[in-house]
Amino acid sequence: MVLVFIVLGGGVVALEKTNPKTPENATVYVLDVKDTDVQRLDVQTPSGTASFERAEPLGWKFADSNAEADLSRVSSVVNRLAKLRSSSKVSDNVTNPSQYGLDPATEVGTLVMKDGTNTRVLIGSKTANDAAYYAMVDGKHELHTINTLLVGDFEKLVTQPPVPSPTAEATASSTPRGGVATATTPEPGEATETPTPTIGLPAPSLGSP
């Protein structure tokens, strides 16, 4: 009996070393890829689609027009999709994704990498309490919920295209140097203000009669 318990105990220890437990507070990712390797983002929502490509040496551009896109907005979505955190894991092997709005998916974010591979993040319907969205990676079976804020920013790439805001330099170019308005020369016949005389000196002449 003692020998049996020793053998069983050794088996448990070996199993724990092979499959270590995940710490309770450890971050669980729906998707975990290197964000700097993402070369293109394709967004598909009920409101429409949008595509963005990396611009050299730094930034993002609209794929269809090559026009500059807002760096912070596009990068924010790309970074969070590439390192997509799970709010909670619903299932390790979902058998009916359609009941979560995932077959077909309500929204899709496709990340195209440097090596040409792509990963599709499928976003489904909201949870019953409206606190999160169901999501999974195409080709995988794990079902998760994700943050609503990310999905909102994802949708805005279509409904509110990320066009760069005017720069401070452009605004400054329309303002006189030093922030002081310059005097203008009146046109012929235009009324002019009468100069104010200085006390103790004769009034200035306005010209020959």
C-alpha atoms as a PDB file:
ATOM      1  CA  MET A   1       0.000   0.000   0.000  1.00  0.00           C
ATOM      2  CA  VAL A   2       2.802   2.408   0.894  1.00  0.00           C
ATOM      3  CA  LEU A   3       4.432   1.697  -2.452  1.00  0.00           C
ATOM      4  CA  VAL A   4       1.141   2.395  -4.264  1.00  0.00           C
ATOM      5  CA  PHE A   5       0.753   5.788  -2.563  1.00  0.00           C
ATOM      6  CA  ILE A   6       4.349   6.710  -3.420  1.00  0.00           C
ATOM      7  CA  VAL A   7       3.768   5.840  -7.075  1.00  0.00           C
ATOM      8  CA  LEU A   8       0.502   7.818  -7.199  1.00  0.00           C
ATOM      9  CA  GLY A   9       2.091  10.788  -5.473  1.00  0.00           C
ATOM     10  CA  GLY A  10       4.959  10.820  -7.930  1.00  0.00           C
ATOM     11  CA  GLY A  11       2.474  10.755 -10.809  1.00  0.00           C
ATOM     12  CA  VAL A  12       0.607  13.802  -9.470  1.00  0.00           C
ATOM     13  CA  VAL A  13       3.847  15.769  -9.059  1.00  0.00           C
ATOM     14  CA  ALA A  14       4.935  14.874 -12.593  1.00  0.00           C
ATOM     15  CA  LEU A  15       1.534  15.929 -13.983  1.00  0.00           C
ATOM     16  CA  GLU A  16       1.682  19.300 -12.228  1.00  0.00           C
ATOM     17  CA  LYS A  17       5.149  19.948 -13.650  1.00  0.00           C
ATOM     18  CA  THR A  18       3.945  19.052 -17.149  1.00  0.00           C
ATOM     19  CA  ASN A  19       0.731  21.121 -16.880  1.00  0.00           C
ATOM     20  CA  PRO A  20       1.409  23.894 -14.354  1.00  0.00           C
ATOM     21  CA  LYS A  21      -1.624  25.720 -13.011  1.00  0.00           C
ATOM     22  CA  THR A  22      -2.370  29.164 -14.382  1.00  0.00           C
ATOM     23  CA  PRO A  23      -2.181  31.834 -11.654  1.00  0.00           C
ATOM     24  CA  GLU A  24      -5.623  33.153 -10.739  1.00  0.00           C
ATOM     25  CA  ASN A  25      -4.780  36.763 -11.666  1.00  0.00           C
ATOM     26  CA  ALA A  26      -2.854  35.924 -14.839  1.00  0.00           C
ATOM     27  CA  THR A  27      -3.988  37.750 -17.983  1.00  0.00           C
ATOM     28  CA  VAL A  28      -5.756  35.517 -20.488  1.00  0.00           C
ATOM     29  CA  TYR A  29      -5.515  36.523 -24.145  1.00  0.00           C
ATOM     30  CA  VAL A  30      -7.984  35.793 -26.917  1.00  0.00           C
ATOM     31  CA  LEU A  31      -5.162  36.632 -29.332  1.00  0.00           C
ATOM     32  CA  ASP A  32      -1.518  37.343 -28.586  1.00  0.00           C
ATOM     33  CA  VAL A  33       0.647  38.370 -31.559  1.00  0.00           C
ATOM     34  CA  LYS A  34       3.372  40.988 -31.977  1.00  0.00           C
ATOM     35  CA  ASP A  35       1.651  44.287 -32.724  1.00  0.00           C
ATOM     36  CA  THR A  36       4.707  45.734 -34.480  1.00  0.00           C
ATOM     37  CA  ASP A  37       4.488  42.898 -37.041  1.00  0.00           C
ATOM     38  CA  VAL A  38       0.974  43.911 -38.098  1.00  0.00           C
ATOM     39  CA  GLN A  39       1.106  45.476 -41.575  1.00  0.00           C
ATOM     40  CA  ARG A  40      -2.586  45.844 -42.348  1.00  0.00           C
ATOM     41  CA  LEU A  41      -5.904  46.048 -40.525  1.00  0.00           C
ATOM     42  CA  ASP A  42      -9.203  45.203 -42.218  1.00  0.00           C
ATOM     43  CA  VAL A  43     -12.368  46.140 -40.348  1.00  0.00           C
ATOM     44  CA  GLN A  44     -15.806  44.742 -41.134  1.00  0.00           C
ATOM     45  CA  THR A  45     -18.875  46.016 -39.248  1.00  0.00           C
ATOM     46  CA  PRO A  46     -22.635  46.261 -39.901  1.00  0.00           C
ATOM     47  CA  SER A  47     -22.014  49.912 -40.877  1.00  0.00           C
ATOM     48  CA  GLY A  48     -19.412  49.082 -43.550  1.00  0.00           C
ATOM     49  CA  THR A  49     -15.741  48.259 -43.973  1.00  0.00           C
ATOM     50  CA  ALA A  50     -12.396  50.036 -43.688  1.00  0.00           C
ATOM     51  CA  SER A  51      -8.794  49.043 -44.341  1.00  0.00           C
ATOM     52  CA  PHE A  52      -5.520  50.528 -43.157  1.00  0.00           C
ATOM     53  CA  GLU A  53      -1.882  49.844 -44.031  1.00  0.00           C
ATOM     54  CA  ARG A  54       1.347  50.846 -42.342  1.00  0.00           C
ATOM     55  CA  ALA A  55       2.967  53.949 -43.779  1.00  0.00           C
ATOM     56  CA  GLU A  56       6.732  54.290 -43.885  1.00  0.00           C
ATOM     57  CA  PRO A  57       8.651  55.310 -41.902  1.00  0.00           C
ATOM     58  CA  LEU A  58       5.936  55.716 -39.271  1.00  0.00           C
ATOM     59  CA  GLY A  59       2.168  55.855 -39.214  1.00  0.00           C
ATOM     60  CA  TRP A  60      -0.927  54.454 -40.899  1.00  0.00           C
ATOM     61  CA  LYS A  61      -2.743  55.231 -44.125  1.00  0.00           C
ATOM     62  CA  PHE A  62      -6.105  54.396 -45.678  1.00  0.00           C
ATOM     63  CA  ALA A  63      -5.502  51.359 -47.898  1.00  0.00           C
ATOM     64  CA  ASP A  64      -7.907  52.476 -50.620  1.00  0.00           C
ATOM     65  CA  SER A  65      -6.590  56.035 -51.059  1.00  0.00           C
ATOM     66  CA  ASN A  66      -3.108  56.082 -49.465  1.00  0.00           C
ATOM     67  CA  ALA A  67      -4.265  59.151 -47.523  1.00  0.00           C
ATOM     68  CA  GLU A  68      -2.782  59.588 -44.064  1.00  0.00           C
ATOM     69  CA  ALA A  69      -4.821  58.143 -41.185  1.00  0.00           C
ATOM     70  CA  ASP A  70      -4.815  59.221 -37.551  1.00  0.00           C
ATOM     71  CA  LEU A  71      -1.859  57.414 -35.999  1.00  0.00           C
ATOM     72  CA  SER A  72      -3.170  57.228 -32.436  1.00  0.00           C
ATOM     73  CA  ARG A  73      -6.631  55.917 -33.295  1.00  0.00           C
ATOM     74  CA  VAL A  74      -5.536  53.186 -35.712  1.00  0.00           C
ATOM     75  CA  SER A  75      -2.563  52.125 -33.579  1.00  0.00           C
ATOM     76  CA  SER A  76      -4.774  51.907 -30.499  1.00  0.00           C
ATOM     77  CA  VAL A  77      -7.126  49.434 -32.162  1.00  0.00           C
ATOM     78  CA  VAL A  78      -4.302  47.425 -33.766  1.00  0.00           C
ATOM     79  CA  ASN A  79      -2.388  47.140 -30.486  1.00  0.00           C
ATOM     80  CA  ARG A  80      -5.437  46.005 -28.535  1.00  0.00           C
ATOM     81  CA  LEU A  81      -6.525  43.490 -31.170  1.00  0.00           C
ATOM     82  CA  ALA A  82      -3.024  42.026 -31.419  1.00  0.00           C
ATOM     83  CA  LYS A  83      -2.940  41.637 -27.611  1.00  0.00           C
ATOM     84  CA  LEU A  84      -6.656  40.985 -27.199  1.00  0.00           C
ATOM     85  CA  ARG A  85      -7.415  40.481 -23.523  1.00  0.00           C
ATOM     86  CA  SER A  86     -10.193  38.186 -22.399  1.00  0.00           C
ATOM     87  CA  SER A  87     -12.646  39.557 -19.866  1.00  0.00           C
ATOM     88  CA  SER A  88     -13.632  35.942 -19.175  1.00  0.00           C
ATOM     89  CA  LYS A  89     -13.380  32.566 -20.871  1.00  0.00           C
ATOM     90  CA  VAL A  90     -16.852  31.195 -21.581  1.00  0.00           C
ATOM     91  CA  SER A  91     -15.870  27.854 -23.084  1.00  0.00           C
ATOM     92  CA  ASP A  92     -12.799  25.891 -24.139  1.00  0.00           C
ATOM     93  CA  ASN A  93     -14.709  24.274 -26.970  1.00  0.00           C
ATOM     94  CA  VAL A  94     -17.784  26.146 -28.127  1.00  0.00           C
ATOM     95  CA  THR A  95     -20.071  23.895 -30.159  1.00  0.00           C
ATOM     96  CA  ASN A  96     -22.681  26.389 -31.346  1.00  0.00           C
ATOM     97  CA  PRO A  97     -21.072  29.789 -32.066  1.00  0.00           C
ATOM     98  CA  SER A  98     -24.215  31.037 -33.824  1.00  0.00           C
ATOM     99  CA  GLN A  99     -25.991  31.455 -30.490  1.00  0.00           C
ATOM    100  CA  TYR A 100     -23.320  34.021 -29.572  1.00  0.00           C
ATOM    101  CA  GLY A 101     -23.613  35.957 -32.823  1.00  0.00           C
ATOM    102  CA  LEU A 102     -20.433  34.391 -34.207  1.00  0.00           C
ATOM    103  CA  ASP A 103     -21.693  32.309 -37.129  1.00  0.00           C
ATOM    104  CA  PRO A 104     -21.619  34.524 -39.043  1.00  0.00           C
ATOM    105  CA  ALA A 105     -19.775  37.049 -36.911  1.00  0.00           C
ATOM    106  CA  THR A 106     -21.339  40.472 -36.390  1.00  0.00           C
ATOM    107  CA  GLU A 107     -17.947  42.154 -36.819  1.00  0.00           C
ATOM    108  CA  VAL A 108     -14.544  40.964 -38.006  1.00  0.00           C
ATOM    109  CA  GLY A 109     -11.069  42.410 -37.521  1.00  0.00           C
ATOM    110  CA  THR A 110      -8.361  40.942 -39.753  1.00  0.00           C
ATOM    111  CA  LEU A 111      -4.691  41.469 -38.927  1.00  0.00           C
ATOM    112  CA  VAL A 112      -2.245  40.868 -41.798  1.00  0.00           C
ATOM    113  CA  MET A 113       1.312  40.222 -40.599  1.00  0.00           C
ATOM    114  CA  LYS A 114       4.746  40.905 -42.114  1.00  0.00           C
ATOM    115  CA  ASP A 115       5.064  37.306 -43.282  1.00  0.00           C
ATOM    116  CA  GLY A 116       1.740  37.474 -45.139  1.00  0.00           C
ATOM    117  CA  THR A 117      -0.255  35.399 -42.654  1.00  0.00           C
ATOM    118  CA  ASN A 118      -3.505  36.791 -41.339  1.00  0.00           C
ATOM    119  CA  THR A 119      -5.633  36.276 -38.262  1.00  0.00           C
ATOM    120  CA  ARG A 120      -9.356  37.013 -38.070  1.00  0.00           C
ATOM    121  CA  VAL A 121     -10.870  38.101 -34.772  1.00  0.00           C
ATOM    122  CA  LEU A 122     -14.599  37.373 -34.738  1.00  0.00           C
ATOM    123  CA  ILE A 123     -16.826  39.608 -32.615  1.00  0.00           C
ATOM    124  CA  GLY A 124     -20.376  38.522 -31.892  1.00  0.00           C
ATOM    125  CA  SER A 125     -23.330  39.768 -29.903  1.00  0.00           C
ATOM    126  CA  LYS A 126     -23.384  41.444 -26.502  1.00  0.00           C
ATOM    127  CA  THR A 127     -23.708  39.446 -23.315  1.00  0.00           C
ATOM    128  CA  ALA A 128     -27.080  39.362 -21.560  1.00  0.00           C
ATOM    129  CA  ASN A 129     -26.061  42.148 -19.165  1.00  0.00           C
ATOM    130  CA  ASP A 130     -24.618  44.338 -21.990  1.00  0.00           C
ATOM    131  CA  ALA A 131     -21.269  44.404 -20.166  1.00  0.00           C
ATOM    132  CA  ALA A 132     -19.150  42.689 -22.847  1.00  0.00           C
ATOM    133  CA  TYR A 133     -19.091  41.137 -26.312  1.00  0.00           C
ATOM    134  CA  TYR A 134     -18.517  37.505 -27.264  1.00  0.00           C
ATOM    135  CA  ALA A 135     -15.376  36.950 -29.307  1.00  0.00           C
ATOM    136  CA  MET A 136     -13.136  34.212 -30.665  1.00  0.00           C
ATOM    137  CA  VAL A 137     -10.307  33.747 -33.141  1.00  0.00           C
ATOM    138  CA  ASP A 138     -11.342  32.198 -36.435  1.00  0.00           C
ATOM    139  CA  GLY A 139     -10.149  28.588 -36.565  1.00  0.00           C
ATOM    140  CA  LYS A 140      -9.991  28.207 -32.783  1.00  0.00           C
ATOM    141  CA  HIS A 141     -12.647  26.872 -30.420  1.00  0.00           C
ATOM    142  CA  GLU A 142     -12.189  28.980 -27.277  1.00  0.00           C
ATOM    143  CA  LEU A 143     -15.024  31.413 -26.598  1.00  0.00           C
ATOM    144  CA  HIS A 144     -14.341  34.595 -24.624  1.00  0.00           C
ATOM    145  CA  THR A 145     -15.931  37.887 -23.739  1.00  0.00           C
ATOM    146  CA  ILE A 146     -14.117  41.177 -24.440  1.00  0.00           C
ATOM    147  CA  ASN A 147     -14.335  44.827 -23.420  1.00  0.00           C
ATOM    148  CA  THR A 148     -17.106  46.966 -24.938  1.00  0.00           C
ATOM    149  CA  LEU A 149     -14.804  50.013 -25.226  1.00  0.00           C
ATOM    150  CA  LEU A 150     -12.568  48.239 -27.728  1.00  0.00           C
ATOM    151  CA  VAL A 151     -15.546  47.248 -29.858  1.00  0.00           C
ATOM    152  CA  GLY A 152     -16.802  50.843 -29.821  1.00  0.00           C
ATOM    153  CA  ASP A 153     -13.418  52.154 -31.037  1.00  0.00           C
ATOM    154  CA  PHE A 154     -13.341  49.368 -33.623  1.00  0.00           C
ATOM    155  CA  GLU A 155     -16.720  50.443 -35.046  1.00  0.00           C
ATOM    156  CA  LYS A 156     -15.747  54.138 -35.091  1.00  0.00           C
ATOM    157  CA  LEU A 157     -12.972  53.396 -37.596  1.00  0.00           C
ATOM    158  CA  VAL A 158     -15.863  52.948 -40.057  1.00  0.00           C
ATOM    159  CA  THR A 159     -18.495  55.388 -38.806  1.00  0.00           C
ATOM    160  CA  GLN A 160     -16.016  58.153 -37.915  1.00  0.00           C
ATOM    161  CA  PRO A 161     -13.018  57.679 -40.257  1.00  0.00           C
ATOM    162  CA  PRO A 162      -9.711  58.444 -38.494  1.00  0.00           C
ATOM    163  CA  VAL A 163      -8.715  61.517 -40.474  1.00  0.00           C
ATOM    164  CA  PRO A 164      -5.833  63.409 -38.795  1.00  0.00           C
ATOM    165  CA  SER A 165      -6.853  66.615 -37.022  1.00  0.00           C
ATOM    166  CA  PRO A 166      -5.279  69.907 -38.184  1.00  0.00           C
ATOM    167  CA  THR A 167      -1.787  70.351 -36.771  1.00  0.00           C
ATOM    168  CA  ALA A 168      -0.735  73.215 -34.530  1.00  0.00           C
ATOM    169  CA  GLU A 169       1.666  74.314 -37.257  1.00  0.00           C
ATOM    170  CA  ALA A 170      -1.163  74.730 -39.756  1.00  0.00           C
ATOM    171  CA  THR A 171      -3.147  76.728 -37.214  1.00  0.00           C
ATOM    172  CA  ALA A 172      -0.149  78.935 -36.415  1.00  0.00           C
ATOM    173  CA  SER A 173       0.440  79.721 -40.084  1.00  0.00           C
ATOM    174  CA  SER A 174      -2.922  81.497 -40.248  1.00  0.00           C
ATOM    175  CA  THR A 175      -2.045  83.724 -37.253  1.00  0.00           C
ATOM    176  CA  PRO A 176       0.196  86.839 -37.678  1.00  0.00           C
ATOM    177  CA  ARG A 177       3.728  86.381 -36.340  1.00  0.00           C
ATOM    178  CA  GLY A 178       3.872  87.149 -32.648  1.00  0.00           C
ATOM    179  CA  GLY A 179       0.089  86.839 -32.412  1.00  0.00           C
ATOM    180  CA  VAL A 180      -0.344  90.584 -33.152  1.00  0.00           C
ATOM    181  CA  ALA A 181      -2.505  91.772 -36.008  1.00  0.00           C
ATOM    182  CA  THR A 182      -0.686  93.982 -38.537  1.00  0.00           C
ATOM    183  CA  ALA A 183      -1.988  97.363 -39.646  1.00  0.00           C
ATOM    184  CA  THR A 184      -3.518  97.695 -43.090  1.00  0.00           C
ATOM    185  CA  THR A 185      -3.296 100.630 -45.483  1.00  0.00           C
ATOM    186  CA  PRO A 186      -6.759 102.107 -46.174  1.00  0.00           C
ATOM    187  CA  GLU A 187      -8.002 102.107 -49.734  1.00  0.00           C
ATOM    188  CA  PRO A 188      -8.537 105.476 -51.488  1.00  0.00           C
ATOM    189  CA  GLY A 189     -11.748 107.079 -50.275  1.00  0.00           C
ATOM    190  CA  GLU A 190     -11.928 104.820 -47.210  1.00  0.00           C
ATOM    191  CA  ALA A 191     -12.737 106.605 -43.937  1.00  0.00           C
ATOM    192  CA  THR A 192      -9.863 106.961 -41.550  1.00  0.00           C
ATOM    193  CA  GLU A 193      -9.805 107.606 -37.839  1.00  0.00           C
ATOM    194  CA  THR A 194      -8.879 111.152 -36.810  1.00  0.00           C
ATOM    195  CA  PRO A 195      -5.545 111.196 -34.935  1.00  0.00           C
ATOM    196  CA  THR A 196      -5.801 112.153 -31.271  1.00  0.00           C
ATOM    197  CA  PRO A 197      -3.753 115.316 -30.477  1.00  0.00           C
ATOM    198  CA  THR A 198      -1.136 115.177 -27.765  1.00  0.00           C
ATOM    199  CA  ILE A 199      -1.666 117.625 -24.891  1.00  0.00           C
ATOM    200  CA  GLY A 200       0.454 120.775 -25.285  1.00  0.00           C
ATOM    201  CA  LEU A 201       1.029 120.198 -29.024  1.00  0.00           C
ATOM    202  CA  PRO A 202      -0.994 121.411 -31.993  1.00  0.00           C
ATOM    203  CA  ALA A 203      -3.434 118.967 -33.493  1.00  0.00           C
ATOM    204  CA  PRO A 204      -1.844 116.899 -36.305  1.00  0.00           C
ATOM    205  CA  SER A 205      -2.749 117.914 -39.824  1.00  0.00           C
ATOM    206  CA  LEU A 206      -4.971 115.632 -41.883  1.00  0.00           C
ATOM    207  CA  GLY A 207      -3.557 116.928 -45.122  1.00  0.00           C
ATOM    208  CA  SER A 208      -3.822 119.962 -47.364  1.00  0.00           C
ATOM    209  CA  PRO A 209      -7.335 121.441 -47.828  1.00  0.00           C
END
